[in-house]
Amino acid sequence: MNLPELLLLAVGLSMDTFAVAICAGLGLPKVGVRNMFVIGLYFAVFQAAMPFAGYMLAARFAGWVTGVNHWIAFALLGFIGVRMIISGRKKEDPRKGAPAFSVSPRSMIPLALATSIDALAVGVSLAFLAVDIVPAVMYIGVVTLIVAVAGVKIGHIAGVRFRAKAETLGGVILVLIGARIFLEGLGVF
């Protein structure tokens, strides 16, 4: 996986975080630099840790599946991407009954975990592709931090109108990366 593909993967993974960060920005009574970075760091740490965990688990079994790794990567990224697209297309009003948002660990850890579950599956895919995991998780973490901080600020300023579009875009990016990996595995590229 080259640098532009890694960057696109990081952006795709961070779109769930972006959507949640927008909602967080909407629910915060005041958005200061501290709150934006606390939220961003929670998301970044989880988004970087989950692919690392998936990579480590899958690395033990990579020898068994090297002949079908492109199928596995395509299936995982395609599934995640399609799920994000479907979620982004749902019509819902996140403002309806939304309580004030809190940056406490009790609020942030479940959100960060929920938005990073997909990254665990991506880590499995990265192991099958023999991607160098340290730079990959660093990119994912840094991009997620930037995207989350921006999402909190945008959410506070503009509301939630970008949530569905961000999630849909992230899903499309993951599906396209999965398709490229699949075609590459078949020898098309």
N, C-alpha and C. Protein backbone atom coordinates (compact mmCIF):
# COMPACT_ATOMS: atom_id res chain seq x y z
N MET A 1 0.86 -1.17 0.00
CA MET A 1 0.00 0.00 0.00
C MET A 1 0.90 1.23 0.00
N ASN A 2 0.69 2.12 -0.95
CA ASN A 2 1.53 3.31 -1.01
C ASN A 2 0.94 4.43 -0.14
N LEU A 3 1.69 5.53 -0.05
CA LEU A 3 1.30 6.63 0.84
C LEU A 3 -0.07 7.22 0.50
N PRO A 4 -0.37 7.53 -0.76
CA PRO A 4 -1.71 8.07 -1.05
C PRO A 4 -2.84 7.10 -0.67
N GLU A 5 -2.62 5.80 -0.91
CA GLU A 5 -3.64 4.82 -0.53
C GLU A 5 -3.80 4.75 0.99
N LEU A 6 -2.70 4.83 1.70
CA LEU A 6 -2.74 4.81 3.15
C LEU A 6 -3.47 6.05 3.68
N LEU A 7 -3.21 7.18 3.06
CA LEU A 7 -3.89 8.42 3.46
C LEU A 7 -5.39 8.31 3.19
N LEU A 8 -5.76 7.77 2.03
CA LEU A 8 -7.18 7.58 1.73
C LEU A 8 -7.84 6.61 2.70
N LEU A 9 -7.13 5.56 3.05
CA LEU A 9 -7.64 4.60 4.04
C LEU A 9 -7.88 5.30 5.37
N ALA A 10 -6.92 6.11 5.79
CA ALA A 10 -7.05 6.84 7.06
C ALA A 10 -8.23 7.79 7.02
N VAL A 11 -8.41 8.48 5.91
CA VAL A 11 -9.54 9.40 5.77
C VAL A 11 -10.85 8.62 5.79
N GLY A 12 -10.90 7.51 5.07
CA GLY A 12 -12.11 6.68 5.06
C GLY A 12 -12.48 6.18 6.44
N LEU A 13 -11.48 5.71 7.18
CA LEU A 13 -11.75 5.24 8.54
C LEU A 13 -12.20 6.36 9.47
N SER A 14 -11.71 7.55 9.25
CA SER A 14 -12.01 8.64 10.16
C SER A 14 -13.37 9.29 9.90
N MET A 15 -14.08 8.88 8.86
CA MET A 15 -15.37 9.50 8.56
C MET A 15 -16.43 9.20 9.62
N ASP A 16 -16.42 8.00 10.20
CA ASP A 16 -17.33 7.73 11.31
C ASP A 16 -17.04 8.68 12.47
N THR A 17 -15.76 8.84 12.73
CA THR A 17 -15.32 9.74 13.80
C THR A 17 -15.75 11.16 13.49
N PHE A 18 -15.61 11.57 12.24
CA PHE A 18 -16.00 12.91 11.83
C PHE A 18 -17.49 13.14 12.11
N ALA A 19 -18.31 12.15 11.74
CA ALA A 19 -19.75 12.27 11.96
C ALA A 19 -20.07 12.40 13.45
N VAL A 20 -19.42 11.58 14.27
CA VAL A 20 -19.67 11.63 15.72
C VAL A 20 -19.12 12.94 16.31
N ALA A 21 -17.97 13.38 15.81
CA ALA A 21 -17.37 14.64 16.30
C ALA A 21 -18.27 15.82 15.97
N ILE A 22 -18.91 15.79 14.82
CA ILE A 22 -19.86 16.86 14.47
C ILE A 22 -21.00 16.88 15.49
N CYS A 23 -21.52 15.70 15.80
CA CYS A 23 -22.59 15.62 16.80
C CYS A 23 -22.11 16.08 18.18
N ALA A 24 -20.85 15.73 18.51
CA ALA A 24 -20.28 16.19 19.78
C ALA A 24 -20.20 17.71 19.81
N GLY A 25 -19.73 18.29 18.71
CA GLY A 25 -19.65 19.75 18.63
C GLY A 25 -21.00 20.41 18.77
N LEU A 26 -22.01 19.77 18.23
CA LEU A 26 -23.36 20.29 18.35
C LEU A 26 -23.84 20.26 19.80
N GLY A 27 -23.45 19.20 20.54
CA GLY A 27 -23.94 19.04 21.91
C GLY A 27 -23.12 19.75 22.97
N LEU A 28 -21.97 20.30 22.59
CA LEU A 28 -21.15 21.01 23.58
C LEU A 28 -21.64 22.45 23.74
N PRO A 29 -21.86 22.88 24.98
CA PRO A 29 -22.29 24.26 25.19
C PRO A 29 -21.23 25.27 24.75
N LYS A 30 -19.95 24.91 24.99
CA LYS A 30 -18.82 25.76 24.57
C LYS A 30 -17.78 24.85 23.94
N VAL A 31 -17.21 25.30 22.82
CA VAL A 31 -16.17 24.51 22.17
C VAL A 31 -14.87 25.29 22.27
N GLY A 32 -13.98 24.80 23.12
CA GLY A 32 -12.66 25.39 23.25
C GLY A 32 -11.62 24.45 22.68
N VAL A 33 -10.41 24.91 22.56
CA VAL A 33 -9.33 24.11 22.01
C VAL A 33 -9.13 22.84 22.85
N ARG A 34 -9.21 22.97 24.16
CA ARG A 34 -9.02 21.81 25.04
C ARG A 34 -10.05 20.73 24.73
N ASN A 35 -11.33 21.08 24.67
CA ASN A 35 -12.38 20.10 24.38
C ASN A 35 -12.19 19.46 23.01
N MET A 36 -11.83 20.27 22.02
CA MET A 36 -11.64 19.72 20.68
C MET A 36 -10.52 18.69 20.67
N PHE A 37 -9.41 18.98 21.35
CA PHE A 37 -8.28 18.05 21.34
C PHE A 37 -8.50 16.84 22.24
N VAL A 38 -9.23 17.00 23.33
CA VAL A 38 -9.55 15.85 24.18
C VAL A 38 -10.39 14.86 23.38
N ILE A 39 -11.42 15.36 22.72
CA ILE A 39 -12.27 14.50 21.88
C ILE A 39 -11.44 13.88 20.76
N GLY A 40 -10.64 14.69 20.09
CA GLY A 40 -9.80 14.20 19.00
C GLY A 40 -8.82 13.13 19.45
N LEU A 41 -8.23 13.29 20.62
CA LEU A 41 -7.27 12.31 21.12
C LEU A 41 -7.93 10.98 21.47
N TYR A 42 -9.10 11.03 22.07
CA TYR A 42 -9.82 9.78 22.34
C TYR A 42 -10.02 9.00 21.04
N PHE A 43 -10.57 9.68 20.05
CA PHE A 43 -10.84 9.01 18.78
C PHE A 43 -9.56 8.54 18.11
N ALA A 44 -8.52 9.37 18.12
CA ALA A 44 -7.26 9.03 17.45
C ALA A 44 -6.60 7.81 18.08
N VAL A 45 -6.58 7.76 19.40
CA VAL A 45 -5.94 6.63 20.08
C VAL A 45 -6.67 5.33 19.76
N PHE A 46 -8.00 5.36 19.82
CA PHE A 46 -8.76 4.14 19.52
C PHE A 46 -8.65 3.76 18.05
N GLN A 47 -8.71 4.75 17.16
CA GLN A 47 -8.62 4.46 15.72
C GLN A 47 -7.25 3.91 15.36
N ALA A 48 -6.21 4.26 16.07
CA ALA A 48 -4.87 3.73 15.80
C ALA A 48 -4.67 2.38 16.49
N ALA A 49 -5.22 2.22 17.67
CA ALA A 49 -5.01 0.98 18.43
C ALA A 49 -5.76 -0.20 17.83
N MET A 50 -6.95 0.03 17.31
CA MET A 50 -7.75 -1.08 16.80
C MET A 50 -7.13 -1.74 15.56
N PRO A 51 -6.64 -1.00 14.56
CA PRO A 51 -6.01 -1.70 13.44
C PRO A 51 -4.74 -2.43 13.89
N PHE A 52 -4.05 -1.88 14.85
CA PHE A 52 -2.85 -2.54 15.37
C PHE A 52 -3.23 -3.88 16.00
N ALA A 53 -4.31 -3.87 16.79
CA ALA A 53 -4.78 -5.11 17.42
C ALA A 53 -5.22 -6.12 16.37
N GLY A 54 -5.96 -5.67 15.37
CA GLY A 54 -6.40 -6.56 14.30
C GLY A 54 -5.23 -7.12 13.52
N TYR A 55 -4.23 -6.28 13.29
CA TYR A 55 -3.03 -6.70 12.57
C TYR A 55 -2.30 -7.80 13.36
N MET A 56 -2.13 -7.58 14.65
CA MET A 56 -1.42 -8.54 15.48
C MET A 56 -2.15 -9.89 15.54
N LEU A 57 -3.46 -9.84 15.64
CA LEU A 57 -4.24 -11.08 15.66
C LEU A 57 -4.12 -11.82 14.32
N ALA A 58 -4.24 -11.08 13.24
CA ALA A 58 -4.23 -11.70 11.92
C ALA A 58 -2.83 -12.13 11.49
N ALA A 59 -1.80 -11.45 11.97
CA ALA A 59 -0.44 -11.78 11.57
C ALA A 59 -0.09 -13.22 11.94
N ARG A 60 -0.69 -13.72 12.99
CA ARG A 60 -0.44 -15.10 13.41
C ARG A 60 -1.01 -16.11 12.43
N PHE A 61 -2.04 -15.69 11.67
CA PHE A 61 -2.71 -16.61 10.76
C PHE A 61 -2.50 -16.28 9.29
N ALA A 62 -1.67 -15.29 8.99
CA ALA A 62 -1.50 -14.82 7.61
C ALA A 62 -0.96 -15.91 6.69
N GLY A 63 -0.09 -16.78 7.17
CA GLY A 63 0.47 -17.83 6.34
C GLY A 63 -0.59 -18.79 5.81
N TRP A 64 -1.67 -18.96 6.50
CA TRP A 64 -2.73 -19.87 6.10
C TRP A 64 -3.58 -19.33 4.96
N VAL A 65 -3.62 -17.99 4.82
CA VAL A 65 -4.57 -17.40 3.89
C VAL A 65 -3.95 -16.50 2.83
N THR A 66 -2.65 -16.61 2.59
CA THR A 66 -2.01 -15.69 1.64
C THR A 66 -2.58 -15.81 0.24
N GLY A 67 -3.11 -16.98 -0.13
CA GLY A 67 -3.68 -17.15 -1.46
C GLY A 67 -5.02 -16.45 -1.64
N VAL A 68 -5.68 -16.13 -0.55
CA VAL A 68 -7.00 -15.49 -0.64
C VAL A 68 -7.03 -14.13 0.06
N ASN A 69 -5.86 -13.57 0.31
CA ASN A 69 -5.83 -12.31 1.07
C ASN A 69 -6.59 -11.19 0.38
N HIS A 70 -6.54 -11.14 -0.95
CA HIS A 70 -7.25 -10.06 -1.65
C HIS A 70 -8.77 -10.23 -1.50
N TRP A 71 -9.24 -11.47 -1.43
CA TRP A 71 -10.66 -11.71 -1.20
C TRP A 71 -11.07 -11.24 0.20
N ILE A 72 -10.23 -11.55 1.17
CA ILE A 72 -10.52 -11.17 2.55
C ILE A 72 -10.53 -9.64 2.70
N ALA A 73 -9.51 -8.99 2.15
CA ALA A 73 -9.44 -7.52 2.23
C ALA A 73 -10.64 -6.89 1.54
N PHE A 74 -10.98 -7.40 0.36
CA PHE A 74 -12.13 -6.88 -0.38
C PHE A 74 -13.42 -7.07 0.42
N ALA A 75 -13.61 -8.26 0.98
CA ALA A 75 -14.83 -8.54 1.74
C ALA A 75 -14.93 -7.64 2.98
N LEU A 76 -13.84 -7.53 3.72
CA LEU A 76 -13.88 -6.72 4.94
C LEU A 76 -14.09 -5.24 4.63
N LEU A 77 -13.26 -4.69 3.73
CA LEU A 77 -13.39 -3.26 3.40
C LEU A 77 -14.72 -2.98 2.71
N GLY A 78 -15.15 -3.90 1.84
CA GLY A 78 -16.44 -3.72 1.17
C GLY A 78 -17.59 -3.73 2.16
N PHE A 79 -17.57 -4.68 3.09
CA PHE A 79 -18.63 -4.76 4.10
C PHE A 79 -18.68 -3.50 4.95
N ILE A 80 -17.51 -3.08 5.42
CA ILE A 80 -17.45 -1.88 6.26
C ILE A 80 -17.94 -0.67 5.48
N GLY A 81 -17.44 -0.53 4.25
CA GLY A 81 -17.81 0.60 3.41
C GLY A 81 -19.30 0.65 3.12
N VAL A 82 -19.88 -0.49 2.74
CA VAL A 82 -21.31 -0.55 2.44
C VAL A 82 -22.12 -0.22 3.69
N ARG A 83 -21.68 -0.74 4.84
CA ARG A 83 -22.38 -0.42 6.09
C ARG A 83 -22.36 1.08 6.38
N MET A 84 -21.20 1.72 6.11
CA MET A 84 -21.10 3.17 6.32
C MET A 84 -22.00 3.92 5.34
N ILE A 85 -22.05 3.47 4.09
CA ILE A 85 -22.89 4.12 3.08
C ILE A 85 -24.35 4.02 3.48
N ILE A 86 -24.78 2.83 3.89
CA ILE A 86 -26.17 2.63 4.32
C ILE A 86 -26.49 3.51 5.52
N SER A 87 -25.58 3.55 6.48
CA SER A 87 -25.79 4.39 7.66
C SER A 87 -25.86 5.86 7.29
N GLY A 88 -25.03 6.28 6.34
CA GLY A 88 -25.03 7.67 5.91
C GLY A 88 -26.27 8.06 5.14
N ARG A 89 -26.96 7.09 4.55
CA ARG A 89 -28.16 7.36 3.76
C ARG A 89 -29.43 7.38 4.59
N LYS A 90 -29.35 6.92 5.84
CA LYS A 90 -30.54 6.89 6.71
C LYS A 90 -30.96 8.32 7.03
N LYS A 91 -32.25 8.51 7.05
CA LYS A 91 -32.80 9.82 7.40
C LYS A 91 -33.10 9.83 8.89
N GLU A 92 -32.37 10.64 9.62
CA GLU A 92 -32.63 10.77 11.05
C GLU A 92 -32.22 12.16 11.49
N ASP A 93 -32.79 12.60 12.57
CA ASP A 93 -32.48 13.92 13.11
C ASP A 93 -31.69 13.75 14.39
N PRO A 94 -30.33 13.90 14.32
CA PRO A 94 -29.52 13.71 15.52
C PRO A 94 -29.79 14.74 16.61
N ARG A 95 -30.40 15.86 16.25
CA ARG A 95 -30.69 16.89 17.25
C ARG A 95 -31.86 16.49 18.15
N LYS A 96 -32.71 15.59 17.66
CA LYS A 96 -33.92 15.22 18.38
C LYS A 96 -33.55 14.62 19.74
N GLY A 97 -33.87 15.31 20.78
CA GLY A 97 -33.63 14.83 22.12
C GLY A 97 -32.16 14.72 22.50
N ALA A 98 -31.27 15.40 21.80
CA ALA A 98 -29.84 15.27 22.08
C ALA A 98 -29.48 16.01 23.37
N PRO A 99 -28.93 15.31 24.35
CA PRO A 99 -28.52 15.98 25.59
C PRO A 99 -27.20 16.70 25.37
N ALA A 100 -26.84 17.52 26.32
CA ALA A 100 -25.53 18.17 26.26
C ALA A 100 -24.45 17.10 26.27
N PHE A 101 -23.41 17.33 25.51
CA PHE A 101 -22.33 16.35 25.35
C PHE A 101 -21.30 16.53 26.45
N SER A 102 -20.68 15.43 26.87
CA SER A 102 -19.66 15.47 27.91
C SER A 102 -18.36 14.87 27.37
N VAL A 103 -17.22 15.43 27.75
CA VAL A 103 -15.92 14.90 27.33
C VAL A 103 -15.32 14.00 28.41
N SER A 104 -16.15 13.50 29.31
CA SER A 104 -15.67 12.61 30.37
C SER A 104 -15.31 11.25 29.77
N PRO A 105 -14.42 10.49 30.42
CA PRO A 105 -14.09 9.14 29.94
C PRO A 105 -15.34 8.25 29.82
N ARG A 106 -16.27 8.43 30.72
CA ARG A 106 -17.50 7.63 30.68
C ARG A 106 -18.28 7.86 29.39
N SER A 107 -18.23 9.06 28.86
CA SER A 107 -18.90 9.36 27.59
C SER A 107 -18.02 9.04 26.38
N MET A 108 -16.74 9.35 26.49
CA MET A 108 -15.86 9.28 25.32
C MET A 108 -15.40 7.86 24.98
N ILE A 109 -15.11 7.03 25.98
CA ILE A 109 -14.59 5.69 25.69
C ILE A 109 -15.58 4.85 24.87
N PRO A 110 -16.85 4.80 25.23
CA PRO A 110 -17.78 4.03 24.38
C PRO A 110 -17.89 4.59 22.96
N LEU A 111 -17.88 5.90 22.83
CA LEU A 111 -17.95 6.50 21.49
C LEU A 111 -16.71 6.17 20.67
N ALA A 112 -15.55 6.32 21.29
CA ALA A 112 -14.30 6.04 20.59
C ALA A 112 -14.21 4.56 20.21
N LEU A 113 -14.65 3.70 21.09
CA LEU A 113 -14.64 2.26 20.80
C LEU A 113 -15.61 1.94 19.67
N ALA A 114 -16.80 2.49 19.73
CA ALA A 114 -17.81 2.21 18.71
C ALA A 114 -17.37 2.67 17.33
N THR A 115 -16.72 3.83 17.25
CA THR A 115 -16.30 4.33 15.94
C THR A 115 -15.04 3.65 15.43
N SER A 116 -14.37 2.88 16.28
CA SER A 116 -13.12 2.25 15.85
C SER A 116 -13.23 0.75 15.62
N ILE A 117 -14.39 0.17 15.83
CA ILE A 117 -14.56 -1.27 15.62
C ILE A 117 -14.22 -1.63 14.18
N ASP A 118 -14.64 -0.80 13.23
CA ASP A 118 -14.34 -1.07 11.82
C ASP A 118 -12.83 -1.11 11.59
N ALA A 119 -12.09 -0.31 12.32
CA ALA A 119 -10.64 -0.26 12.15
C ALA A 119 -9.98 -1.58 12.56
N LEU A 120 -10.60 -2.34 13.45
CA LEU A 120 -10.08 -3.65 13.81
C LEU A 120 -10.06 -4.56 12.59
N ALA A 121 -11.14 -4.57 11.84
CA ALA A 121 -11.22 -5.38 10.62
C ALA A 121 -10.22 -4.88 9.58
N VAL A 122 -10.02 -3.58 9.50
CA VAL A 122 -9.04 -3.03 8.56
C VAL A 122 -7.64 -3.50 8.95
N GLY A 123 -7.36 -3.58 10.24
CA GLY A 123 -6.07 -4.08 10.69
C GLY A 123 -5.84 -5.51 10.25
N VAL A 124 -6.89 -6.33 10.27
CA VAL A 124 -6.79 -7.71 9.77
C VAL A 124 -6.43 -7.67 8.29
N SER A 125 -7.09 -6.81 7.52
CA SER A 125 -6.80 -6.68 6.09
C SER A 125 -5.35 -6.25 5.86
N LEU A 126 -4.88 -5.31 6.66
CA LEU A 126 -3.50 -4.82 6.51
C LEU A 126 -2.49 -5.93 6.78
N ALA A 127 -2.80 -6.81 7.71
CA ALA A 127 -1.89 -7.93 7.99
C ALA A 127 -1.81 -8.86 6.80
N PHE A 128 -2.93 -9.15 6.18
CA PHE A 128 -2.94 -10.04 5.03
C PHE A 128 -2.21 -9.42 3.84
N LEU A 129 -2.17 -8.11 3.80
CA LEU A 129 -1.47 -7.41 2.71
C LEU A 129 -0.01 -7.12 3.06
N ALA A 130 0.42 -7.52 4.24
CA ALA A 130 1.79 -7.32 4.71
C ALA A 130 2.19 -5.85 4.70
N VAL A 131 1.27 -4.99 5.11
CA VAL A 131 1.54 -3.56 5.22
C VAL A 131 2.34 -3.31 6.49
N ASP A 132 3.30 -2.38 6.43
CA ASP A 132 4.06 -2.00 7.63
C ASP A 132 3.09 -1.28 8.57
N ILE A 133 2.76 -1.90 9.68
CA ILE A 133 1.67 -1.44 10.54
C ILE A 133 1.99 -0.17 11.31
N VAL A 134 3.23 0.05 11.69
CA VAL A 134 3.54 1.24 12.50
C VAL A 134 3.25 2.54 11.75
N PRO A 135 3.77 2.73 10.53
CA PRO A 135 3.39 3.95 9.82
C PRO A 135 1.89 4.02 9.52
N ALA A 136 1.29 2.87 9.25
CA ALA A 136 -0.14 2.86 8.94
C ALA A 136 -0.96 3.37 10.12
N VAL A 137 -0.70 2.87 11.33
CA VAL A 137 -1.48 3.32 12.48
C VAL A 137 -1.14 4.76 12.86
N MET A 138 0.08 5.18 12.57
CA MET A 138 0.43 6.58 12.83
C MET A 138 -0.39 7.50 11.91
N TYR A 139 -0.47 7.15 10.63
CA TYR A 139 -1.29 7.93 9.70
C TYR A 139 -2.74 7.94 10.13
N ILE A 140 -3.25 6.78 10.46
CA ILE A 140 -4.65 6.67 10.87
C ILE A 140 -4.90 7.53 12.11
N GLY A 141 -4.00 7.47 13.09
CA GLY A 141 -4.17 8.26 14.31
C GLY A 141 -4.11 9.76 14.07
N VAL A 142 -3.12 10.19 13.30
CA VAL A 142 -2.96 11.64 13.03
C VAL A 142 -4.13 12.17 12.21
N VAL A 143 -4.51 11.43 11.16
CA VAL A 143 -5.64 11.87 10.34
C VAL A 143 -6.91 11.91 11.17
N THR A 144 -7.12 10.91 12.01
CA THR A 144 -8.31 10.89 12.86
C THR A 144 -8.32 12.06 13.82
N LEU A 145 -7.18 12.38 14.40
CA LEU A 145 -7.09 13.53 15.31
C LEU A 145 -7.51 14.81 14.58
N ILE A 146 -6.94 15.03 13.41
CA ILE A 146 -7.25 16.24 12.64
C ILE A 146 -8.73 16.28 12.26
N VAL A 147 -9.22 15.16 11.76
CA VAL A 147 -10.62 15.08 11.33
C VAL A 147 -11.58 15.28 12.51
N ALA A 148 -11.27 14.68 13.64
CA ALA A 148 -12.15 14.81 14.81
C ALA A 148 -12.17 16.24 15.35
N VAL A 149 -11.00 16.86 15.44
CA VAL A 149 -10.94 18.25 15.90
C VAL A 149 -11.75 19.14 14.96
N ALA A 150 -11.55 18.94 13.66
CA ALA A 150 -12.31 19.73 12.68
C ALA A 150 -13.80 19.44 12.80
N GLY A 151 -14.16 18.18 13.00
CA GLY A 151 -15.57 17.80 13.13
C GLY A 151 -16.25 18.47 14.31
N VAL A 152 -15.56 18.52 15.45
CA VAL A 152 -16.13 19.17 16.63
C VAL A 152 -16.40 20.64 16.33
N LYS A 153 -15.43 21.30 15.73
CA LYS A 153 -15.59 22.73 15.42
C LYS A 153 -16.70 22.95 14.40
N ILE A 154 -16.70 22.14 13.34
CA ILE A 154 -17.73 22.26 12.31
C ILE A 154 -19.11 21.97 12.90
N GLY A 155 -19.20 20.93 13.73
CA GLY A 155 -20.47 20.60 14.35
C GLY A 155 -21.00 21.73 15.21
N HIS A 156 -20.09 22.36 15.92
CA HIS A 156 -20.51 23.46 16.77
C HIS A 156 -20.99 24.65 15.93
N ILE A 157 -20.33 24.88 14.82
CA ILE A 157 -20.67 26.03 13.97
C ILE A 157 -21.86 25.73 13.05
N ALA A 158 -21.81 24.61 12.38
CA ALA A 158 -22.76 24.36 11.29
C ALA A 158 -23.84 23.34 11.59
N GLY A 159 -23.81 22.69 12.73
CA GLY A 159 -24.82 21.69 13.02
C GLY A 159 -24.48 20.35 12.42
N VAL A 160 -25.47 19.54 12.20
CA VAL A 160 -25.25 18.16 11.80
C VAL A 160 -25.55 17.88 10.33
N ARG A 161 -25.68 18.86 9.52
CA ARG A 161 -26.08 18.60 8.13
C ARG A 161 -25.04 17.83 7.32
N PHE A 162 -23.78 17.77 7.80
CA PHE A 162 -22.74 17.07 7.05
C PHE A 162 -22.58 15.61 7.46
N ARG A 163 -23.23 15.16 8.50
CA ARG A 163 -23.03 13.81 9.03
C ARG A 163 -23.23 12.72 7.98
N ALA A 164 -24.36 12.72 7.34
CA ALA A 164 -24.67 11.66 6.37
C ALA A 164 -23.70 11.69 5.20
N LYS A 165 -23.36 12.86 4.72
CA LYS A 165 -22.44 12.96 3.59
C LYS A 165 -21.05 12.47 3.96
N ALA A 166 -20.59 12.78 5.15
CA ALA A 166 -19.26 12.33 5.60
C ALA A 166 -19.21 10.82 5.72
N GLU A 167 -20.25 10.24 6.30
CA GLU A 167 -20.27 8.79 6.48
C GLU A 167 -20.37 8.09 5.13
N THR A 168 -21.18 8.63 4.23
CA THR A 168 -21.30 8.06 2.88
C THR A 168 -19.98 8.14 2.14
N LEU A 169 -19.31 9.28 2.20
CA LEU A 169 -18.01 9.45 1.54
C LEU A 169 -16.99 8.47 2.10
N GLY A 170 -16.95 8.31 3.40
CA GLY A 170 -16.02 7.36 4.01
C GLY A 170 -16.29 5.94 3.54
N GLY A 171 -17.56 5.57 3.43
CA GLY A 171 -17.92 4.25 2.94
C GLY A 171 -17.50 4.03 1.50
N VAL A 172 -17.71 5.03 0.67
CA VAL A 172 -17.31 4.93 -0.74
C VAL A 172 -15.80 4.75 -0.85
N ILE A 173 -15.05 5.52 -0.07
CA ILE A 173 -13.58 5.40 -0.10
C ILE A 173 -13.15 3.99 0.29
N LEU A 174 -13.73 3.42 1.34
CA LEU A 174 -13.35 2.07 1.77
C LEU A 174 -13.71 1.02 0.71
N VAL A 175 -14.88 1.15 0.09
CA VAL A 175 -15.28 0.21 -0.96
C VAL A 175 -14.31 0.30 -2.14
N LEU A 176 -13.94 1.52 -2.54
CA LEU A 176 -13.01 1.69 -3.66
C LEU A 176 -11.64 1.10 -3.36
N ILE A 177 -11.15 1.29 -2.14
CA ILE A 177 -9.86 0.71 -1.77
C ILE A 177 -9.96 -0.82 -1.78
N GLY A 178 -11.05 -1.35 -1.25
CA GLY A 178 -11.26 -2.80 -1.27
C GLY A 178 -11.31 -3.34 -2.69
N ALA A 179 -11.99 -2.64 -3.58
CA ALA A 179 -12.08 -3.08 -4.98
C ALA A 179 -10.71 -3.05 -5.65
N ARG A 180 -9.93 -2.01 -5.38
CA ARG A 180 -8.60 -1.92 -5.96
C ARG A 180 -7.71 -3.07 -5.48
N ILE A 181 -7.78 -3.38 -4.18
CA ILE A 181 -7.00 -4.49 -3.63
C ILE A 181 -7.43 -5.81 -4.27
N PHE A 182 -8.72 -5.99 -4.42
CA PHE A 182 -9.24 -7.21 -5.03
C PHE A 182 -8.75 -7.35 -6.47
N LEU A 183 -8.88 -6.28 -7.25
CA LEU A 183 -8.45 -6.33 -8.65
C LEU A 183 -6.93 -6.52 -8.76
N GLU A 184 -6.21 -5.92 -7.84
CA GLU A 184 -4.76 -6.10 -7.81
C GLU A 184 -4.41 -7.57 -7.50
N GLY A 185 -5.13 -8.17 -6.57
CA GLY A 185 -4.92 -9.57 -6.23
C GLY A 185 -5.24 -10.51 -7.37
N LEU A 186 -6.17 -10.12 -8.22
CA LEU A 186 -6.52 -10.93 -9.40
C LEU A 186 -5.56 -10.69 -10.56
N GLY A 187 -4.67 -9.71 -10.40
CA GLY A 187 -3.70 -9.41 -11.45
C GLY A 187 -4.19 -8.40 -12.48
N VAL A 188 -5.32 -7.73 -12.22
CA VAL A 188 -5.83 -6.73 -13.16
C VAL A 188 -4.94 -5.50 -13.17
N PHE A 189 -4.44 -5.12 -12.01
CA PHE A 189 -3.54 -3.95 -11.93
C PHE A 189 -2.12 -4.42 -11.74
